[in-house]
Protein backbone atom coordinates (compact mmCIF):
# COMPACT_ATOMS: atom_id res chain seq x y z
CA MET A 1 -26.63 90.01 -57.14
CA GLU A 2 -30.06 88.45 -57.62
CA THR A 3 -33.02 88.83 -55.26
CA ILE A 4 -36.80 88.57 -55.38
CA ALA A 5 -38.99 91.57 -54.55
CA LYS A 6 -42.68 92.38 -54.79
CA THR A 7 -44.00 95.27 -56.89
CA ARG A 8 -46.19 98.02 -55.40
CA THR A 9 -48.25 100.76 -56.99
CA LEU A 10 -47.25 104.40 -56.53
CA GLY A 11 -49.40 106.79 -58.52
CA GLY A 12 -49.57 105.32 -62.03
CA SER A 13 -46.26 103.45 -61.75
CA LEU A 14 -44.97 100.26 -60.16
CA ILE A 15 -42.08 100.41 -57.71
CA VAL A 16 -39.77 97.76 -56.28
CA THR A 17 -37.90 98.22 -53.01
CA ILE A 18 -34.33 96.94 -52.95
CA PRO A 19 -33.80 94.87 -49.77
CA LYS A 20 -31.39 96.27 -47.16
CA ASN A 21 -28.96 93.34 -47.44
CA VAL A 22 -28.62 93.92 -51.21
CA VAL A 23 -28.08 97.66 -50.65
CA GLU A 24 -25.29 96.91 -48.16
CA VAL A 25 -23.58 94.21 -50.24
CA GLU A 26 -23.68 96.30 -53.42
CA GLY A 27 -22.80 99.57 -51.64
CA LEU A 28 -25.80 101.41 -53.10
CA HIS A 29 -26.82 104.95 -52.16
CA ALA A 30 -29.85 107.14 -52.88
CA ASP A 31 -30.02 108.77 -56.34
CA GLU A 32 -27.64 106.24 -57.97
CA VAL A 33 -28.50 104.77 -61.35
CA VAL A 34 -28.69 100.96 -61.37
CA ALA A 35 -29.50 98.37 -64.05
CA ILE A 36 -32.42 96.05 -63.31
CA ASP A 37 -33.21 92.78 -65.14
CA ILE A 38 -36.97 92.11 -64.87
CA LYS A 39 -38.29 88.52 -64.87
CA LYS A 40 -41.64 87.28 -63.59
CA VAL A 41 -41.26 84.57 -60.95
CA LYS A 42 -43.29 81.42 -61.50
CA LYS A 43 -45.72 80.62 -58.71
CA SER A 44 -44.84 77.73 -56.45
CA TYR A 45 -47.73 75.39 -55.78
CA LYS A 46 -45.85 73.51 -53.06
CA GLY A 47 -48.06 73.00 -50.02
CA ILE A 48 -51.29 73.91 -51.81
CA MET A 49 -52.79 70.52 -50.85
CA PRO A 50 -51.16 69.62 -47.52
CA GLY A 51 -53.17 66.41 -46.96
CA LEU A 52 -52.27 64.89 -50.34
CA GLY A 53 -48.85 63.50 -49.40
CA HIS A 54 -46.34 61.95 -51.80
CA LEU A 55 -47.36 59.89 -54.82
CA GLU A 56 -46.52 56.20 -54.71
CA PRO A 57 -45.67 53.99 -57.74
CA GLY A 58 -49.18 52.47 -57.53
CA ASP A 59 -50.72 55.93 -57.97
CA LYS A 60 -49.57 56.12 -61.60
CA LEU A 61 -52.38 56.05 -64.18
CA ASP A 62 -51.62 53.35 -66.78
CA THR A 63 -54.15 53.99 -69.55
CA HIS A 64 -51.64 53.94 -72.40
CA ASP A 65 -50.14 50.81 -73.97
């Protein structure tokens, strides 16, 4: 199962909390060994400029031949 979680600092280490729904679906219990595949999630810039709106065909910059 794949999920997204945020890292936190604990002492000198980083920890990740496994969400409750993943724990239930996978049947996980405390002190079990699990394999984790780490990938950084790319930031989404959706909504960063709410007043911009959608680009129209006339908005295209035609400086190349």
